[in-house]
Each structure stands twice: as C-alpha cells, then as structure tokens.
Amino acid sequence: MFINKTKKRGQALVEYALIIASMAVLLISSLGYIGNNVNNSFSRINNSFTLTTP
C-alpha cells in the first residue's frame, strides 16, 4: 500500500514537470514572436519620423 502511494506521487510529479516544461516552451516562443512584432512596429514608427530631404 505504501509503495502504491509513492508511485502515484512520483507519477504526479512527473506530470506536473511535463506541464510546466511545455508551458515554458510556449511562453518563450510566444514572447519571441511578440518581441519581433513589437520591434517591427517601433521600427516602422521610427522610420515614419525620419526627415527626408527633397
């Protein structure tokens, strides 16, 4: 009976670790995507303020 409880506890720990790892991968990839979009937006805004000589 004691072995079964520790086995379930270990299994739950592994499942939580996999969930946290997958969430970290999704968070990092989404932040990279959002960061590129924000950078492109600021670059376009900056380029619109540059002075052009006729």
C-alpha atoms as a PDB file:
ATOM      1  CA  MET A   1       0.000   0.000   0.000  1.00  0.00           C
ATOM      2  CA  PHE A   2       2.839   2.435   0.805  1.00  0.00           C
ATOM      3  CA  ILE A   3       4.628   1.693  -2.463  1.00  0.00           C
ATOM      4  CA  ASN A   4       1.488   2.456  -4.465  1.00  0.00           C
ATOM      5  CA  LYS A   5       1.135   5.918  -2.856  1.00  0.00           C
ATOM      6  CA  THR A   6       4.736   6.857  -3.584  1.00  0.00           C
ATOM      7  CA  LYS A   7       4.395   5.602  -7.148  1.00  0.00           C
ATOM      8  CA  LYS A   8       1.327   7.805  -7.672  1.00  0.00           C
ATOM      9  CA  ARG A   9       3.078  10.754  -6.061  1.00  0.00           C
ATOM     10  CA  GLY A  10       6.073  10.294  -8.361  1.00  0.00           C
ATOM     11  CA  GLN A  11       3.816   9.977 -11.369  1.00  0.00           C
ATOM     12  CA  ALA A  12       2.011  13.201 -10.451  1.00  0.00           C
ATOM     13  CA  LEU A  13       5.354  14.967 -10.009  1.00  0.00           C
ATOM     14  CA  VAL A  14       6.461  13.905 -13.482  1.00  0.00           C
ATOM     15  CA  GLU A  15       3.154  15.024 -14.979  1.00  0.00           C
ATOM     16  CA  TYR A  16       3.428  18.437 -13.322  1.00  0.00           C
ATOM     17  CA  ALA A  17       7.014  18.766 -14.530  1.00  0.00           C
ATOM     18  CA  LEU A  18       5.943  17.997 -18.109  1.00  0.00           C
ATOM     19  CA  ILE A  19       3.116  20.536 -17.913  1.00  0.00           C
ATOM     20  CA  ILE A  20       5.460  23.224 -16.568  1.00  0.00           C
ATOM     21  CA  ALA A  21       8.081  22.441 -19.217  1.00  0.00           C
ATOM     22  CA  SER A  22       5.537  22.648 -22.044  1.00  0.00           C
ATOM     23  CA  MET A  23       4.175  25.920 -20.678  1.00  0.00           C
ATOM     24  CA  ALA A  24       7.710  27.325 -20.527  1.00  0.00           C
ATOM     25  CA  VAL A  25       8.358  26.381 -24.159  1.00  0.00           C
ATOM     26  CA  LEU A  26       5.097  28.012 -25.257  1.00  0.00           C
ATOM     27  CA  LEU A  27       5.811  31.138 -23.227  1.00  0.00           C
ATOM     28  CA  ILE A  28       9.329  31.543 -24.603  1.00  0.00           C
ATOM     29  CA  SER A  29       8.237  31.023 -28.196  1.00  0.00           C
ATOM     30  CA  SER A  30       5.287  33.412 -27.873  1.00  0.00           C
ATOM     31  CA  LEU A  31       7.463  36.088 -26.260  1.00  0.00           C
ATOM     32  CA  GLY A  32       9.925  35.758 -29.128  1.00  0.00           C
ATOM     33  CA  TYR A  33       7.132  36.186 -31.653  1.00  0.00           C
ATOM     34  CA  ILE A  34       5.588  39.135 -29.820  1.00  0.00           C
ATOM     35  CA  GLY A  35       9.013  40.720 -29.356  1.00  0.00           C
ATOM     36  CA  ASN A  36       9.690  40.622 -33.091  1.00  0.00           C
ATOM     37  CA  ASN A  37       6.302  42.192 -33.831  1.00  0.00           C
ATOM     38  CA  VAL A  38       6.854  44.974 -31.304  1.00  0.00           C
ATOM     39  CA  ASN A  39      10.325  45.629 -32.686  1.00  0.00           C
ATOM     40  CA  ASN A  40       8.969  45.851 -36.234  1.00  0.00           C
ATOM     41  CA  SER A  41       6.228  48.229 -35.119  1.00  0.00           C
ATOM     42  CA  PHE A  42       8.666  50.560 -33.386  1.00  0.00           C
ATOM     43  CA  SER A  43      10.964  50.448 -36.409  1.00  0.00           C
ATOM     44  CA  ARG A  44       8.106  51.493 -38.692  1.00  0.00           C
ATOM     45  CA  ILE A  45       7.147  54.312 -36.329  1.00  0.00           C
ATOM     46  CA  ASN A  46      10.757  55.448 -36.134  1.00  0.00           C
ATOM     47  CA  ASN A  47      11.111  55.368 -39.915  1.00  0.00           C
ATOM     48  CA  SER A  48       7.979  57.486 -40.307  1.00  0.00           C
ATOM     49  CA  PHE A  49       9.546  60.240 -38.178  1.00  0.00           C
ATOM     50  CA  THR A  50      12.800  60.403 -40.092  1.00  0.00           C
ATOM     51  CA  LEU A  51      13.309  63.523 -42.135  1.00  0.00           C
ATOM     52  CA  THR A  52      13.589  63.157 -45.848  1.00  0.00           C
ATOM     53  CA  THR A  53      15.446  65.763 -47.830  1.00  0.00           C
ATOM     54  CA  PRO A  54      13.800  66.821 -51.090  1.00  0.00           C
END
